[in-house]
Amino acid sequence: MDMKKQIFIAFLVVSLFLPLVSSAADLVIFFPRDLTVGAKGEDVSRLQQFLAKDSSIYPEGLVTGYFGALTQKAVTRFQQKNNITPTRGYVGPLTRTKLEVLVLGSASNNSVTPSQNNSDLASLLKQLADLQAQILALRQTTIEAATTTIATTTPIAPTPAAAPPAFDNSVTISGDSTTRIAESLKMGDITLTNNSSSTATVFHITLLMKEALDASNMRGATFKMTLRNGSTTFDEVLEKKDVTVSLAIAAQGTYNTQLLTFYAGVPIPASMSKTFSLWGEVLKGPFNNGEIQFVVSSILTVPELPNKGGAALVLNVLQT
């Protein structure tokens, strides 16, 4: 049987199962969406409750409704235990299907009067998961067959092979700038370059704020900082937070410091760069002397990549 017929039959079987699944009167979908770091909601709590049943998978057993680093590690262990690849701690379609099967199976085993629909659904979901894996394998085989170069009778001079890209599995930080401080302004751009061979998602950008301003109105005052997915005001706002300035004026030659962490959740493809920008609002002048620096302290990516390079965004009273 050729490849196209196999794929067609696989999809046909899936299409026959789906009406059976959707017609179950007491059907409950426990995990209706993909889940990753930063996700919040009842489905996250449901995931944590289920994983906590196995101390070898989720020894902490915390049920918070927030998908953090501990939950990600627990999902990775769950995927390893159930032979789900890739094992990156991301709850995608294959992981969700496996969870539905296990949760429904657990519910049926623990119930005094188990639902026949739930039992049937668990069996169907197991078959659907197996079919999905077969379809993905068939697709990959078809793509490889379609991209095979057909030899011609005309001899073609060989082309020297291009040197493969060099990867050092890191993320490079760049973007130094100095700007005159004002009540509302763009503080500067931060550019991150993915030096690995696969996509890396930027989850957190942590900045060290170093403040040494001679501005009495700023003491103890709160201003707003915004991280954008791009370099203009038209770009998506990733996170906006309030920042409070220290009540005390820094001694000469020193700075008041605090760490600020912004959530990004932006993927960067292999060998590509992405620019983020920081903006400030409601800074209270007048500004007589001094400066504020925002130094990139660390970048957290998934998969985790070491940082190199750096960026310092300086707001200076004397800058013209």
Protein backbone atom coordinates (compact mmCIF):
# COMPACT_ATOMS: atom_id res chain seq x y z
CA MET A 1 0.00 0.00 0.00
CA ASP A 2 1.49 3.38 -0.96
CA MET A 3 2.14 6.15 1.51
CA LYS A 4 -0.78 8.41 0.49
CA LYS A 5 -3.28 5.58 0.97
CA GLN A 6 -1.87 4.81 4.43
CA ILE A 7 -2.20 8.45 5.51
CA PHE A 8 -5.73 8.62 4.09
CA ILE A 9 -6.79 5.49 5.98
CA ALA A 10 -5.25 6.80 9.23
CA PHE A 11 -7.14 10.11 8.95
CA LEU A 12 -10.33 8.21 8.05
CA VAL A 13 -10.05 6.12 11.22
CA VAL A 14 -9.50 9.26 13.32
CA SER A 15 -12.52 10.95 11.74
CA LEU A 16 -14.66 7.90 12.61
CA PHE A 17 -13.55 7.96 16.25
CA LEU A 18 -14.03 11.68 16.84
CA PRO A 19 -17.88 11.68 16.57
CA LEU A 20 -17.95 8.86 19.15
CA VAL A 21 -15.83 10.91 21.53
CA SER A 22 -17.82 14.13 21.10
CA SER A 23 -21.20 12.36 21.53
CA ALA A 24 -20.47 11.08 25.05
CA ALA A 25 -23.11 12.71 27.24
CA ASP A 26 -20.99 12.92 30.37
CA LEU A 27 -17.72 13.79 28.60
CA VAL A 28 -15.31 15.97 30.59
CA ILE A 29 -12.12 17.34 29.00
CA PHE A 30 -9.69 17.86 31.86
CA PHE A 31 -6.88 19.49 29.84
CA PRO A 32 -8.45 21.58 27.01
CA ARG A 33 -5.28 23.52 26.08
CA ASP A 34 -1.51 23.21 25.85
CA LEU A 35 0.32 24.24 29.04
CA THR A 36 3.78 25.70 29.58
CA VAL A 37 5.70 27.87 32.07
CA GLY A 38 3.63 30.92 33.00
CA ALA A 39 0.22 29.30 32.46
CA LYS A 40 -2.42 29.76 35.17
CA GLY A 41 -5.85 28.27 35.81
CA GLU A 42 -7.91 25.34 37.04
CA ASP A 43 -6.41 23.01 34.43
CA VAL A 44 -2.93 23.77 35.87
CA SER A 45 -4.22 22.91 39.37
CA ARG A 46 -5.76 19.72 37.95
CA LEU A 47 -2.41 18.82 36.36
CA GLN A 48 -0.52 19.44 39.62
CA GLN A 49 -3.04 17.37 41.63
CA PHE A 50 -2.65 14.43 39.25
CA LEU A 51 1.16 14.60 39.12
CA ALA A 52 1.36 14.89 42.92
CA LYS A 53 -0.14 11.39 43.22
CA ASP A 54 3.28 10.02 42.21
CA SER A 55 6.02 11.33 44.51
CA SER A 56 8.71 10.13 42.09
CA ILE A 57 7.27 12.51 39.48
CA TYR A 58 6.23 15.52 41.61
CA PRO A 59 7.85 15.18 45.05
CA GLU A 60 7.01 18.77 46.01
CA GLY A 61 3.27 18.13 45.45
CA LEU A 62 2.41 21.85 45.38
CA VAL A 63 -1.02 22.73 43.93
CA THR A 64 -0.89 26.46 43.16
CA GLY A 65 -2.62 26.84 39.79
CA TYR A 66 0.59 28.38 38.40
CA PHE A 67 2.81 26.46 35.96
CA GLY A 68 6.31 27.17 37.27
CA ALA A 69 9.73 25.52 37.16
CA LEU A 70 8.77 22.73 39.60
CA THR A 71 5.71 21.81 37.54
CA GLN A 72 7.82 21.86 34.36
CA LYS A 73 10.30 19.39 35.92
CA ALA A 74 7.42 17.17 37.04
CA VAL A 75 5.95 17.15 33.52
CA THR A 76 9.38 16.21 32.13
CA ARG A 77 9.55 13.23 34.52
CA PHE A 78 6.01 12.24 33.54
CA GLN A 79 6.97 12.34 29.85
CA GLN A 80 10.10 10.27 30.47
CA LYS A 81 8.12 7.68 32.44
CA ASN A 82 5.50 7.40 29.68
CA ASN A 83 7.93 7.50 26.70
CA ILE A 84 6.55 10.80 25.36
CA THR A 85 9.00 12.77 23.23
CA PRO A 86 10.31 15.40 23.23
CA THR A 87 10.69 15.51 27.02
CA ARG A 88 10.83 19.27 27.56
CA GLY A 89 8.21 19.77 30.27
CA TYR A 90 5.71 21.21 27.78
CA VAL A 91 2.14 19.83 27.91
CA GLY A 92 1.29 19.46 24.22
CA PRO A 93 -1.29 17.29 22.36
CA LEU A 94 0.44 13.93 23.01
CA THR A 95 0.99 14.67 26.70
CA ARG A 96 -2.57 15.98 27.11
CA THR A 97 -4.00 12.84 25.48
CA LYS A 98 -1.98 10.60 27.81
CA LEU A 99 -3.10 12.65 30.83
CA GLU A 100 -6.78 12.42 29.78
CA VAL A 101 -6.49 8.63 29.45
CA LEU A 102 -4.84 8.24 32.87
CA VAL A 103 -7.16 10.70 34.65
CA LEU A 104 -10.28 9.05 33.19
CA GLY A 105 -8.91 5.60 33.99
CA SER A 106 -8.18 6.68 37.54
CA ALA A 107 -11.66 8.18 37.86
CA SER A 108 -13.25 4.93 36.62
CA ASN A 109 -11.19 2.76 39.01
CA ASN A 110 -12.02 4.92 42.03
CA SER A 111 -15.73 5.35 41.29
CA VAL A 112 -18.39 3.11 42.86
CA THR A 113 -20.46 3.22 39.66
CA PRO A 114 -17.95 3.83 36.83
CA SER A 115 -19.29 5.59 33.73
CA GLN A 116 -19.32 3.42 30.60
CA ASN A 117 -18.87 6.56 28.50
CA ASN A 118 -15.70 7.53 30.39
CA SER A 119 -14.35 3.99 30.08
CA ASP A 120 -15.07 4.00 26.33
CA LEU A 121 -13.55 7.47 26.03
CA ALA A 122 -10.33 6.35 27.70
CA SER A 123 -10.03 3.49 25.24
CA LEU A 124 -10.75 5.78 22.28
CA LEU A 125 -8.23 8.38 23.43
CA LYS A 126 -5.58 5.67 23.73
CA GLN A 127 -6.27 4.57 20.16
CA LEU A 128 -6.29 8.18 18.95
CA ALA A 129 -2.89 8.79 20.57
CA ASP A 130 -1.47 5.72 18.82
CA LEU A 131 -2.97 6.84 15.49
CA GLN A 132 -1.58 10.35 15.90
CA ALA A 133 1.93 8.95 16.41
CA GLN A 134 1.53 6.77 13.28
CA ILE A 135 0.28 9.74 11.23
CA LEU A 136 3.25 11.89 12.30
CA ALA A 137 5.63 9.08 11.30
CA LEU A 138 3.89 8.66 7.92
CA ARG A 139 4.02 12.42 7.29
CA GLN A 140 7.73 12.53 8.04
CA THR A 141 8.39 9.58 5.69
CA THR A 142 6.33 11.25 2.94
CA ILE A 143 8.20 14.55 3.34
CA GLU A 144 11.56 12.80 3.15
CA ALA A 145 10.47 10.91 0.03
CA ALA A 146 9.16 14.09 -1.63
CA THR A 147 12.38 16.00 -1.01
CA THR A 148 14.67 13.31 -2.47
CA THR A 149 16.57 14.74 -5.42
CA ILE A 150 15.89 12.97 -8.73
CA ALA A 151 19.09 12.30 -10.71
CA THR A 152 19.28 13.77 -14.23
CA THR A 153 21.21 12.60 -17.30
CA THR A 154 22.95 15.96 -17.64
CA PRO A 155 26.14 16.03 -15.54
CA ILE A 156 26.20 18.93 -13.08
CA ALA A 157 29.38 20.29 -11.64
CA PRO A 158 29.46 19.71 -7.88
CA THR A 159 28.96 22.80 -5.72
CA PRO A 160 31.31 23.18 -2.78
CA ALA A 161 29.43 22.43 0.42
CA ALA A 162 28.71 25.44 2.57
CA ALA A 163 30.31 25.45 5.97
CA PRO A 164 27.77 24.42 8.63
CA PRO A 165 26.73 27.18 11.04
CA ALA A 166 28.72 27.32 14.24
CA PHE A 167 26.64 26.86 17.40
CA ASP A 168 27.94 27.43 20.91
CA ASN A 169 24.55 26.85 22.62
CA SER A 170 24.32 30.24 24.26
CA VAL A 171 22.26 33.42 24.10
CA THR A 172 24.08 36.68 23.36
CA ILE A 173 22.88 39.89 25.04
CA SER A 174 23.55 43.29 23.44
CA GLY A 175 22.10 46.80 23.43
CA ASP A 176 24.06 49.45 25.42
CA SER A 177 22.53 52.93 25.21
CA THR A 178 22.50 56.27 27.05
CA THR A 179 19.41 58.52 27.06
CA ARG A 180 18.53 61.78 28.74
CA ILE A 181 16.06 61.10 31.53
CA ALA A 182 12.52 62.46 31.23
CA GLU A 183 9.10 61.90 32.82
CA SER A 184 8.11 59.49 30.04
CA LEU A 185 10.58 57.93 27.63
CA LYS A 186 11.91 54.89 25.82
CA MET A 187 14.74 53.59 27.97
CA GLY A 188 16.39 51.53 25.21
CA ASP A 189 16.51 48.26 23.25
CA ILE A 190 17.82 44.85 24.31
CA THR A 191 18.76 42.39 21.54
CA LEU A 192 19.04 38.65 22.22
CA THR A 193 20.65 36.23 19.74
CA ASN A 194 20.01 32.48 19.89
CA ASN A 195 23.34 30.75 19.20
CA SER A 196 21.91 27.22 19.40
CA SER A 197 20.68 24.79 16.73
CA SER A 198 17.04 24.83 17.88
CA THR A 199 14.38 27.32 18.92
CA ALA A 200 14.79 28.77 22.42
CA THR A 201 11.96 30.53 24.27
CA VAL A 202 12.85 33.61 26.33
CA PHE A 203 10.82 33.34 29.54
CA HIS A 204 12.34 35.88 31.93
CA ILE A 205 14.54 38.95 31.51
CA THR A 206 16.07 40.07 34.81
CA LEU A 207 17.49 43.58 35.19
CA LEU A 208 19.61 45.15 37.93
CA MET A 209 18.35 48.70 38.51
CA LYS A 210 21.12 51.01 39.81
CA GLU A 211 19.78 54.41 40.89
CA ALA A 212 21.75 57.51 41.94
CA LEU A 213 19.45 60.47 41.28
CA ASP A 214 19.44 63.89 42.91
CA ALA A 215 15.67 64.33 42.59
CA SER A 216 13.74 64.81 45.84
CA ASN A 217 10.38 64.18 44.14
CA MET A 218 11.55 60.69 43.11
CA ARG A 219 12.34 59.54 46.67
CA GLY A 220 9.87 56.77 47.53
CA ALA A 221 7.92 57.47 44.33
CA THR A 222 6.58 54.77 42.02
CA PHE A 223 6.91 54.83 38.24
CA LYS A 224 5.87 52.37 35.55
CA MET A 225 8.13 50.22 33.38
CA THR A 226 6.97 48.33 30.29
CA LEU A 227 8.66 45.52 28.34
CA ARG A 228 7.61 45.35 24.66
CA ASN A 229 8.07 42.61 22.06
CA GLY A 230 9.84 44.93 19.61
CA SER A 231 11.29 48.42 19.55
CA THR A 232 8.25 50.68 18.96
CA THR A 233 5.10 51.71 20.85
CA PHE A 234 3.07 49.70 18.34
CA ASP A 235 4.65 46.44 19.50
CA GLU A 236 3.02 44.02 21.94
CA VAL A 237 3.26 44.77 25.66
CA LEU A 238 4.75 41.71 27.35
CA GLU A 239 4.63 42.99 30.92
CA LYS A 240 4.09 46.30 32.73
CA LYS A 241 5.03 46.74 36.37
CA ASP A 242 5.36 49.41 39.06
CA VAL A 243 8.85 50.23 40.32
CA THR A 244 9.41 52.09 43.60
CA VAL A 245 12.49 54.27 44.08
CA SER A 246 14.39 54.05 47.37
CA LEU A 247 13.58 56.66 50.00
CA ALA A 248 17.27 57.20 50.74
CA ILE A 249 19.62 59.12 48.45
CA ALA A 250 22.59 56.95 47.49
CA ALA A 251 25.93 57.97 48.96
CA GLN A 252 28.32 59.64 46.56
CA GLY A 253 29.90 57.11 44.22
CA THR A 254 27.35 54.38 45.07
CA TYR A 255 23.92 53.27 43.82
CA ASN A 256 20.62 52.10 45.29
CA THR A 257 20.00 48.71 43.65
CA GLN A 258 17.09 46.31 43.11
CA LEU A 259 16.34 43.38 40.78
CA LEU A 260 13.45 43.58 38.32
CA THR A 261 12.19 40.48 36.47
CA PHE A 262 9.97 40.71 33.38
CA TYR A 263 8.08 37.82 31.79
CA ALA A 264 8.52 37.50 28.00
CA GLY A 265 7.45 34.06 26.70
CA VAL A 266 8.83 34.80 23.22
CA PRO A 267 10.47 32.09 21.06
CA ILE A 268 13.65 32.86 19.09
CA PRO A 269 14.47 30.48 16.19
CA ALA A 270 17.96 29.00 15.87
CA SER A 271 20.64 31.52 14.79
CA MET A 272 18.11 34.39 14.90
CA SER A 273 17.94 37.59 16.96
CA LYS A 274 15.04 39.29 18.73
CA THR A 275 14.82 42.88 19.97
CA PHE A 276 12.89 43.89 23.09
CA SER A 277 12.44 47.44 24.40
CA LEU A 278 11.97 49.03 27.82
CA TRP A 279 9.79 52.09 28.41
CA GLY A 280 9.27 54.31 31.46
CA GLU A 281 6.31 56.44 32.50
CA VAL A 282 5.48 58.87 35.33
CA LEU A 283 9.04 59.50 36.49
CA LYS A 284 8.80 62.55 38.76
CA GLY A 285 11.23 65.42 38.11
CA PRO A 286 12.84 67.80 38.21
CA PHE A 287 16.07 65.80 37.78
CA ASN A 288 19.03 67.82 39.05
CA ASN A 289 21.87 65.36 38.79
CA GLY A 290 22.74 61.66 38.61
CA GLU A 291 21.51 58.67 36.62
CA ILE A 292 19.60 55.38 36.58
CA GLN A 293 21.09 52.27 34.98
CA PHE A 294 19.22 49.13 33.93
CA VAL A 295 21.79 46.36 33.48
CA VAL A 296 20.67 43.01 32.08
CA SER A 297 21.46 40.58 34.90
CA SER A 298 20.26 37.31 33.36
CA ILE A 299 18.14 35.78 30.59
CA LEU A 300 16.18 32.59 31.36
CA THR A 301 15.43 30.46 28.29
CA VAL A 302 13.90 27.05 27.63
CA PRO A 303 15.87 25.02 26.92
CA GLU A 304 18.22 26.79 29.32
CA LEU A 305 21.18 28.43 27.57
CA PRO A 306 24.15 30.18 29.19
CA ASN A 307 24.29 33.96 28.76
CA LYS A 308 27.14 35.94 27.24
CA GLY A 309 27.61 39.59 26.37
CA GLY A 310 25.63 42.27 28.18
CA ALA A 311 23.50 45.38 27.91
CA ALA A 312 23.23 48.51 30.05
CA LEU A 313 20.50 51.10 29.46
CA VAL A 314 21.56 54.38 31.11
CA LEU A 315 19.23 57.31 31.87
CA ASN A 316 21.47 60.32 32.50
CA VAL A 317 20.43 63.79 33.65
CA LEU A 318 23.33 65.45 31.80
CA GLN A 319 22.92 63.59 28.48
CA THR A 320 22.11 66.08 25.65
